């Protein structure tokens, strides 16, 4: 009996302490409240929903830098200060002081490329509509070869219980040229048409999101009789599409840059009134890594695009795989691209940051005639990030295709960039 008691009594004591029968003064205090200062347009209820995962976290284990990164990812604030404080009762609360960016913006812009010439336009946009980070954009783009009017509205997903959505429409008239990889004109034609797209998205975890959508496109094509051998490829059409995607992204913040590591997958099936069905798929991996010298970071990107039966007019440019060395008017049904380089912060002030970048680029794709091409080159330039806005304000750069020994220059003021 004494032997049994020797084991039973310590066991009961363990159970008493673990179930809270005896008071535990050593319990770690938790964050009981999040307080905001500086919110003007942004709703406090929205911010509390975004930062919900940081409430009721033990104060000693709360990572303030992680909170700051989550706030920076919203692209709503030009200044952020996060501290852990105690109220008059000694309870811990998270104090967040911010200064909001300008979110409602009438934006004129001008772009120039040695391939495309000048392009200008104007947009009205709001990146924080209704104070809950809804986005809308209305505007137009004009140049010698293209006239476009477009609108878009979107709401990002907060979490699995709060899905997001987007709707968009565009009308375009374009004098289009198709170039091969050597920048030789292979075809020219005029297009006019419109498109409508609707999608829903769901943030299934803290770092990942899924999306699905529907689209409609009508394109009318007038082709130059000089290129009558391509008549079959240039038929006017109506198209209905189903698309979906998944992405995973993790951000890292330092005093110079917001860097990301991400993976995204996407696919689309398009049904054409010509009787054909087209399919496409794409993948992208981005790795941006700050170095111990904090103003310096590594930039890497790997991307691929594959399609079959997609109409020539709907084929994307090289930008879908992240490269810039190929001709701007080059489009392909199958492409892959690799970018490796560095970006360095040059100058930082309260309202803007200036940086310079250099990238080695490798492009692999299908040429206009179906042959496989592989080009190698580099791009370099300067960016100006306005800290009061969510996009670069000025960007200038040069791309050199070493394989073809071709050089092109580009510049953007306003929304444009690389």
Protein backbone atom coordinates (compact mmCIF):
# COMPACT_ATOMS: atom_id res chain seq x y z
CA UNK A 1 0.00 0.00 0.00
CA UNK A 2 2.82 2.39 0.88
CA UNK A 3 4.46 1.54 -2.44
CA UNK A 4 1.31 2.47 -4.38
CA UNK A 5 0.95 5.75 -2.47
CA UNK A 6 4.54 6.62 -3.38
CA UNK A 7 3.49 6.80 -7.06
CA UNK A 8 -0.14 7.96 -6.76
CA UNK A 9 0.50 11.14 -4.73
CA UNK A 10 3.05 12.70 -7.17
CA UNK A 11 0.76 11.78 -10.05
CA UNK A 12 -2.19 13.58 -8.45
CA UNK A 13 -0.05 16.65 -7.82
CA UNK A 14 0.93 16.76 -11.50
CA UNK A 15 -2.72 16.48 -12.55
CA UNK A 16 -3.75 19.26 -10.12
CA UNK A 17 -1.16 21.68 -11.45
CA UNK A 18 -1.77 20.82 -15.11
CA UNK A 19 -5.55 21.30 -14.84
CA UNK A 20 -5.26 24.64 -13.05
CA UNK A 21 -6.70 23.56 -9.68
CA UNK A 22 -3.82 25.37 -8.01
CA UNK A 23 -3.14 28.98 -9.16
CA UNK A 24 -0.24 29.41 -11.59
CA UNK A 25 1.37 32.80 -11.12
CA UNK A 26 3.94 31.97 -13.80
CA UNK A 27 1.37 31.98 -16.65
CA UNK A 28 2.76 34.03 -19.53
CA UNK A 29 0.71 37.19 -20.24
CA UNK A 30 -0.80 37.53 -23.72
CA UNK A 31 -1.52 40.46 -25.98
CA UNK A 32 -5.13 41.37 -25.21
CA UNK A 33 -5.67 44.31 -27.58
CA UNK A 34 -4.39 45.99 -30.75
CA UNK A 35 -4.54 49.79 -30.74
CA UNK A 36 -4.11 51.95 -33.85
CA UNK A 37 -3.05 55.54 -34.27
CA UNK A 38 -3.01 57.41 -37.59
CA UNK A 39 -5.79 55.57 -39.42
CA UNK A 40 -7.79 58.02 -41.49
CA UNK A 41 -9.32 56.33 -44.50
CA UNK A 42 -8.55 52.74 -43.53
CA UNK A 43 -11.16 51.14 -41.26
CA UNK A 44 -9.95 49.88 -37.90
CA UNK A 45 -12.22 46.82 -38.17
CA UNK A 46 -10.42 45.85 -41.41
CA UNK A 47 -6.99 46.21 -39.80
CA UNK A 48 -8.02 44.11 -36.79
CA UNK A 49 -9.22 41.39 -39.15
CA UNK A 50 -5.88 41.48 -41.04
CA UNK A 51 -3.85 41.26 -37.81
CA UNK A 52 -6.15 38.84 -35.99
CA UNK A 53 -3.44 36.16 -35.84
CA UNK A 54 -1.32 38.42 -33.59
CA UNK A 55 -4.00 38.86 -30.90
CA UNK A 56 -3.93 36.58 -27.85
CA UNK A 57 -0.29 35.69 -28.65
CA UNK A 58 2.00 35.44 -25.59
CA UNK A 59 3.68 38.83 -25.29
CA UNK A 60 7.15 37.34 -24.85
CA UNK A 61 6.94 35.39 -28.11
CA UNK A 62 5.37 38.12 -30.28
CA UNK A 63 7.64 39.03 -33.21
CA UNK A 64 7.20 42.77 -33.79
CA UNK A 65 9.15 42.61 -37.06
CA UNK A 66 6.66 40.04 -38.35
CA UNK A 67 3.83 42.43 -37.52
CA UNK A 68 5.61 45.25 -39.36
CA UNK A 69 6.14 43.01 -42.40
CA UNK A 70 2.44 42.10 -42.46
CA UNK A 71 1.59 45.81 -42.42
CA UNK A 72 4.11 46.63 -45.14
CA UNK A 73 2.65 43.90 -47.39
CA UNK A 74 -0.64 45.82 -47.46
CA UNK A 75 1.08 48.74 -49.23
CA UNK A 76 -1.21 51.15 -47.41
CA UNK A 77 1.26 53.00 -45.16
CA UNK A 78 4.30 55.19 -45.76
CA UNK A 79 5.33 55.12 -42.09
CA UNK A 80 4.90 52.25 -39.62
CA UNK A 81 5.88 52.00 -35.94
CA UNK A 82 5.04 48.86 -33.95
CA UNK A 83 5.61 48.57 -30.19
CA UNK A 84 4.45 46.36 -27.32
CA UNK A 85 3.13 48.37 -24.39
CA UNK A 86 1.22 47.93 -21.11
CA UNK A 87 -1.99 49.65 -20.06
CA UNK A 88 -2.82 51.05 -16.61
CA UNK A 89 -3.81 47.55 -15.44
CA UNK A 90 -0.50 46.06 -16.54
CA UNK A 91 -1.98 44.17 -19.52
CA UNK A 92 0.06 43.99 -22.74
CA UNK A 93 -1.29 45.55 -25.92
CA UNK A 94 0.08 46.02 -29.41
CA UNK A 95 0.49 49.68 -30.36
CA UNK A 96 0.56 50.47 -34.09
CA UNK A 97 1.20 54.00 -35.34
CA UNK A 98 0.97 54.58 -39.08
CA UNK A 99 0.82 57.25 -41.75
CA UNK A 100 -1.37 56.36 -44.70
CA UNK A 101 -0.23 56.56 -48.31
CA UNK A 102 -2.15 58.51 -50.91
CA UNK A 103 -4.55 55.90 -52.29
CA UNK A 104 -6.89 57.89 -54.58
CA UNK A 105 -4.76 58.92 -57.53
CA UNK A 106 -5.37 60.55 -60.90
CA UNK A 107 -2.28 59.35 -62.76
CA UNK A 108 -0.98 60.55 -66.10
CA UNK A 109 1.85 58.42 -67.40
CA UNK A 110 4.34 58.29 -70.26
CA UNK A 111 6.40 55.36 -71.48
CA UNK A 112 9.03 55.02 -74.18
CA UNK A 113 10.64 51.99 -75.76
CA UNK A 114 13.00 51.98 -78.73
CA UNK A 115 10.86 49.10 -80.11
CA UNK A 116 7.39 50.53 -79.42
CA UNK A 117 7.97 54.30 -79.40
CA UNK A 118 6.02 56.60 -77.07
CA UNK A 119 2.92 55.51 -75.19
CA UNK A 120 0.84 57.71 -72.90
CA UNK A 121 -2.42 57.74 -71.04
CA UNK A 122 -4.17 58.46 -67.79
CA UNK A 123 -5.86 56.49 -65.03
CA UNK A 124 -7.96 57.15 -61.98
CA UNK A 125 -7.29 54.55 -59.31
CA UNK A 126 -7.83 53.86 -55.64
CA UNK A 127 -5.82 51.19 -53.85
CA UNK A 128 -7.83 51.51 -50.63
CA UNK A 129 -11.45 52.03 -51.70
CA UNK A 130 -13.96 52.15 -48.80
CA UNK A 131 -11.04 51.83 -46.36
CA UNK A 132 -10.90 48.03 -46.78
CA UNK A 133 -8.19 47.82 -49.47
CA UNK A 134 -10.52 47.34 -52.39
CA UNK A 135 -8.89 48.41 -55.66
CA UNK A 136 -10.34 50.04 -58.74
CA UNK A 137 -8.78 51.36 -61.93
CA UNK A 138 -10.36 53.29 -64.83
CA UNK A 139 -8.40 54.76 -67.67
CA UNK A 140 -6.97 54.62 -71.14
CA UNK A 141 -3.73 54.02 -73.04
CA UNK A 142 -2.87 55.69 -76.33
CA UNK A 143 -0.02 55.44 -78.83
CA UNK A 144 0.51 55.35 -82.57
CA UNK A 145 -0.34 51.63 -82.65
CA UNK A 146 -2.77 51.08 -79.79
CA UNK A 147 -5.83 52.68 -78.22
CA UNK A 148 -7.21 50.99 -75.12
CA UNK A 149 -9.86 51.75 -72.50
CA UNK A 150 -10.08 49.57 -69.41
CA UNK A 151 -11.57 49.22 -65.96
CA UNK A 152 -11.01 46.83 -63.09
CA UNK A 153 -12.26 46.35 -59.54
CA UNK A 154 -10.94 43.86 -56.99
CA UNK A 155 -11.13 42.91 -53.33
CA UNK A 156 -8.28 40.84 -51.87
CA UNK A 157 -9.00 37.77 -49.77
CA UNK A 158 -8.27 38.17 -46.06
CA UNK A 159 -8.43 34.48 -45.15
CA UNK A 160 -10.37 31.30 -45.90
CA UNK A 161 -13.50 32.81 -44.33
CA UNK A 162 -13.27 36.04 -46.35
CA UNK A 163 -12.81 35.28 -50.09
CA UNK A 164 -11.90 38.01 -52.57
CA UNK A 165 -13.00 38.76 -56.11
CA UNK A 166 -12.13 40.79 -59.19
CA UNK A 167 -13.99 42.03 -62.27
CA UNK A 168 -12.53 43.72 -65.31
CA UNK A 169 -13.32 44.85 -68.83
CA UNK A 170 -11.31 46.30 -71.71
CA UNK A 171 -11.80 47.62 -75.23
CA UNK A 172 -8.82 47.70 -77.58
CA UNK A 173 -7.95 48.81 -81.10
CA UNK A 174 -4.45 47.90 -82.24
CA UNK A 175 -2.30 48.00 -85.36
CA UNK A 176 -0.32 44.88 -84.64
CA UNK A 177 2.93 43.56 -86.00
CA UNK A 178 4.48 40.17 -85.37
CA UNK A 179 8.27 39.98 -85.22
CA UNK A 180 10.53 36.96 -85.12
CA UNK A 181 13.40 36.60 -82.66
CA UNK A 182 15.70 38.56 -85.04
CA UNK A 183 13.30 41.53 -84.98
CA UNK A 184 12.19 40.95 -88.58
CA UNK A 185 8.56 41.76 -89.42
CA UNK A 186 6.68 38.59 -90.31
CA UNK A 187 3.09 39.79 -90.31
CA UNK A 188 0.90 42.86 -89.77
CA UNK A 189 -2.84 43.19 -89.14
CA UNK A 190 -5.44 45.33 -87.32
CA UNK A 191 -7.54 44.14 -84.38
CA UNK A 192 -10.56 45.52 -82.57
CA UNK A 193 -12.38 43.90 -79.70
CA UNK A 194 -13.29 43.69 -76.07
CA UNK A 195 -13.02 41.39 -73.08
CA UNK A 196 -14.70 40.80 -69.72
CA UNK A 197 -13.25 38.77 -66.83
CA UNK A 198 -14.60 37.71 -63.43
CA UNK A 199 -12.68 35.75 -60.77
CA UNK A 200 -12.84 34.75 -57.11
CA UNK A 201 -9.89 34.10 -54.81
CA UNK A 202 -9.43 32.51 -51.41
CA UNK A 203 -6.49 32.88 -49.03
CA UNK A 204 -6.34 29.29 -47.79
CA UNK A 205 -3.35 29.80 -45.47
CA UNK A 206 -1.32 32.75 -44.19
CA UNK A 207 0.94 32.57 -47.25
CA UNK A 208 -1.04 30.81 -50.00
CA UNK A 209 -4.03 31.62 -52.19
CA UNK A 210 -6.17 29.94 -54.86
CA UNK A 211 -8.11 31.64 -57.66
CA UNK A 212 -10.66 30.66 -60.31
CA UNK A 213 -12.26 32.73 -63.03
CA UNK A 214 -14.35 33.08 -66.18
CA UNK A 215 -13.62 35.21 -69.21
CA UNK A 216 -15.10 36.33 -72.52
CA UNK A 217 -13.20 37.84 -75.44
CA UNK A 218 -14.28 39.06 -78.88
CA UNK A 219 -11.66 39.97 -81.46
CA UNK A 220 -12.29 41.22 -84.99
CA UNK A 221 -9.26 41.01 -87.30
CA UNK A 222 -8.51 42.83 -90.57
CA UNK A 223 -5.39 41.46 -92.19
CA UNK A 224 -3.24 42.83 -94.97
CA UNK A 225 -3.78 40.80 -98.15
CA UNK A 226 -0.02 40.81 -98.51
CA UNK A 227 -0.02 38.13 -95.80
CA UNK A 228 -2.91 36.03 -97.13
CA UNK A 229 -1.07 32.79 -96.34
CA UNK A 230 -1.84 33.48 -92.67
CA UNK A 231 -5.57 34.00 -93.24
CA UNK A 232 -6.47 30.83 -91.31
CA UNK A 233 -4.54 32.02 -88.27
CA UNK A 234 -6.23 35.43 -88.38
CA UNK A 235 -9.93 34.60 -88.26
CA UNK A 236 -12.16 36.78 -86.08
CA UNK A 237 -13.53 34.90 -83.07
CA UNK A 238 -15.49 34.83 -79.84
CA UNK A 239 -13.78 33.02 -76.96
CA UNK A 240 -14.96 31.78 -73.54
CA UNK A 241 -12.33 30.77 -70.99
CA UNK A 242 -12.01 29.01 -67.64
CA UNK A 243 -8.89 29.71 -65.58
CA UNK A 244 -7.44 28.85 -62.21
CA UNK A 245 -4.28 29.27 -60.19
CA UNK A 246 -2.43 28.83 -56.92
CA UNK A 247 0.36 30.89 -55.38
CA UNK A 248 2.51 30.78 -52.27
CA UNK A 249 4.45 33.84 -51.09
CA UNK A 250 6.60 34.79 -48.09
CA UNK A 251 7.88 38.35 -47.61
CA UNK A 252 10.99 39.67 -45.89
CA UNK A 253 11.39 43.32 -44.90
CA UNK A 254 14.48 45.39 -44.17
CA UNK A 255 15.16 49.13 -44.18
CA UNK A 256 15.63 49.20 -47.97
CA UNK A 257 13.39 46.65 -49.67
CA UNK A 258 10.38 44.38 -49.30
CA UNK A 259 11.67 41.08 -50.72
CA UNK A 260 9.65 37.99 -51.55
CA UNK A 261 9.99 34.30 -52.16
CA UNK A 262 7.06 32.96 -54.16
CA UNK A 263 5.78 30.14 -56.34
CA UNK A 264 2.75 30.46 -58.63
CA UNK A 265 0.96 28.07 -60.97
CA UNK A 266 -1.81 28.90 -63.41
CA UNK A 267 -3.79 27.37 -66.25
CA UNK A 268 -6.54 28.27 -68.70
CA UNK A 269 -8.87 26.47 -71.11
CA UNK A 270 -10.40 28.55 -73.92
CA UNK A 271 -13.31 27.53 -76.15
CA UNK A 272 -13.34 29.31 -79.51
CA UNK A 273 -16.27 29.81 -81.87
CA UNK A 274 -13.96 28.61 -84.64
CA UNK A 275 -14.49 25.15 -83.15
CA UNK A 276 -11.06 24.84 -81.56
CA UNK A 277 -10.12 24.50 -77.92
CA UNK A 278 -6.96 26.15 -76.61
CA UNK A 279 -5.01 25.40 -73.44
CA UNK A 280 -2.24 27.23 -71.65
CA UNK A 281 -0.26 26.82 -68.42
CA UNK A 282 2.38 28.88 -66.65
CA UNK A 283 4.70 28.59 -63.67
CA UNK A 284 6.82 31.21 -61.91
CA UNK A 285 9.36 31.03 -59.07
CA UNK A 286 10.70 34.28 -57.58
CA UNK A 287 13.48 34.43 -54.99
CA UNK A 288 14.56 37.84 -53.69
CA UNK A 289 17.10 37.63 -50.88
CA UNK A 290 18.64 40.55 -48.94
CA UNK A 291 22.37 40.16 -48.30
CA UNK A 292 24.20 41.02 -45.04
CA UNK A 293 24.88 44.41 -46.62
CA UNK A 294 21.22 45.37 -46.27
CA UNK A 295 21.07 47.78 -49.21
CA UNK A 296 21.99 44.88 -51.52
CA UNK A 297 19.73 42.00 -52.51
CA UNK A 298 19.80 39.06 -54.91
CA UNK A 299 17.09 38.87 -57.59
CA UNK A 300 16.24 35.54 -59.23
CA UNK A 301 13.27 34.41 -61.30
CA UNK A 302 12.43 31.22 -63.18
CA UNK A 303 9.33 31.09 -65.35
CA UNK A 304 7.72 29.00 -68.06
CA UNK A 305 4.69 29.28 -70.36
CA UNK A 306 3.21 26.56 -72.57
CA UNK A 307 0.15 26.72 -74.85
CA UNK A 308 -1.45 25.00 -77.78
CA UNK A 309 -4.09 26.24 -80.28
CA UNK A 310 -4.09 29.73 -78.72
CA UNK A 311 -4.94 32.34 -81.42
CA UNK A 312 -1.95 34.36 -82.57
CA UNK A 313 -3.51 37.62 -81.37
CA UNK A 314 -3.83 36.23 -77.81
CA UNK A 315 -0.25 34.96 -77.49
CA UNK A 316 1.73 36.76 -74.73
CA UNK A 317 5.05 38.57 -75.01
CA UNK A 318 8.28 37.59 -73.28
CA UNK A 319 7.20 39.50 -70.17
CA UNK A 320 5.17 36.47 -69.08
CA UNK A 321 8.48 34.69 -68.39
CA UNK A 322 10.14 37.81 -66.95
CA UNK A 323 12.71 38.60 -69.66
CA UNK A 324 13.22 41.84 -71.61
CA UNK A 325 15.96 41.07 -74.18
CA UNK A 326 13.65 39.83 -76.97
CA UNK A 327 11.87 42.25 -79.36
CA UNK A 328 8.79 43.87 -77.79
CA UNK A 329 6.61 42.67 -80.70
CA UNK A 330 7.77 39.07 -80.39
CA UNK A 331 5.10 36.61 -79.17
CA UNK A 332 5.37 32.89 -78.62
CA UNK A 333 3.27 29.84 -77.74
CA UNK A 334 6.06 28.21 -75.69
CA UNK A 335 8.61 30.09 -73.59
CA UNK A 336 10.93 29.81 -70.60
CA UNK A 337 13.03 32.50 -68.94
CA UNK A 338 15.67 32.84 -66.23
CA UNK A 339 16.77 36.10 -64.57
CA UNK A 340 19.71 36.30 -62.15
CA UNK A 341 21.06 39.54 -60.73
CA UNK A 342 21.42 42.13 -58.01
CA UNK A 343 19.65 45.31 -56.90
CA UNK A 344 21.38 47.90 -54.75
CA UNK A 345 19.85 50.78 -52.84
CA UNK A 346 21.64 53.98 -53.82
CA UNK A 347 19.87 56.74 -51.95
CA UNK A 348 17.08 56.80 -49.39
CA UNK A 349 15.03 59.71 -48.10
CA UNK A 350 11.76 60.01 -46.23
CA UNK A 351 9.67 60.06 -49.40
CA UNK A 352 11.55 57.93 -51.92
CA UNK A 353 14.24 55.31 -52.51
CA UNK A 354 16.53 55.13 -55.56
CA UNK A 355 18.01 51.80 -56.60
CA UNK A 356 20.00 50.32 -59.48
CA UNK A 357 19.69 46.78 -60.80
CA UNK A 358 21.51 44.43 -63.15
CA UNK A 359 20.20 41.11 -64.47
CA UNK A 360 21.58 38.31 -66.60
CA UNK A 361 18.74 36.93 -68.77
CA UNK A 362 18.31 33.62 -70.58
CA UNK A 363 15.36 33.12 -72.94
CA UNK A 364 14.25 29.84 -74.53
CA UNK A 365 11.21 29.76 -76.79
CA UNK A 366 9.48 28.95 -80.03
CA UNK A 367 10.13 31.40 -82.86
CA UNK A 368 7.46 32.67 -85.28
CA UNK A 369 8.11 29.80 -87.69
CA UNK A 370 8.14 27.14 -84.98
CA UNK A 371 11.92 26.80 -84.58
CA UNK A 372 13.42 26.76 -81.08
CA UNK A 373 15.53 29.81 -80.17
CA UNK A 374 17.78 30.45 -77.18
CA UNK A 375 19.00 33.98 -76.53
CA UNK A 376 21.26 35.31 -73.78
CA UNK A 377 21.73 38.89 -72.63
CA UNK A 378 21.46 41.37 -69.77
CA UNK A 379 19.37 44.28 -68.58
CA UNK A 380 20.29 47.13 -66.27
CA UNK A 381 18.63 50.30 -65.06
CA UNK A 382 17.50 52.59 -62.25
CA UNK A 383 14.22 52.65 -60.32
CA UNK A 384 12.70 55.30 -58.08
CA UNK A 385 10.26 53.97 -55.49
CA UNK A 386 7.94 56.62 -54.04
CA UNK A 387 7.29 55.62 -50.45
CA UNK A 388 3.92 57.37 -50.51
CA UNK A 389 2.75 55.18 -53.42
CA UNK A 390 2.65 51.44 -54.10
CA UNK A 391 4.57 51.38 -57.39
CA UNK A 392 7.74 52.79 -58.98
CA UNK A 393 7.32 56.37 -60.19
CA UNK A 394 10.28 56.47 -62.56
CA UNK A 395 12.20 53.66 -64.23
CA UNK A 396 14.83 53.74 -66.98
CA UNK A 397 16.69 50.75 -68.36
CA UNK A 398 18.63 49.13 -71.16
CA UNK A 399 18.36 45.54 -72.43
CA UNK A 400 21.07 43.94 -74.57
CA UNK A 401 20.49 40.68 -76.44
CA UNK A 402 24.06 39.42 -76.79
CA UNK A 403 23.03 36.53 -79.04
CA UNK A 404 21.49 38.86 -81.64
CA UNK A 405 23.69 41.85 -80.72
CA UNK A 406 20.61 44.06 -80.36
CA UNK A 407 20.13 46.87 -77.84
CA UNK A 408 16.94 48.58 -76.72
CA UNK A 409 16.16 51.38 -74.31
CA UNK A 410 13.01 51.92 -72.25
CA UNK A 411 11.73 54.51 -69.79
CA UNK A 412 8.55 55.04 -67.81
CA UNK A 413 7.07 57.87 -65.75
CA UNK A 414 3.94 57.13 -63.70
CA UNK A 415 2.51 53.62 -63.49
CA UNK A 416 4.97 51.94 -65.86
CA UNK A 417 8.04 49.97 -64.90
CA UNK A 418 9.88 46.73 -65.52
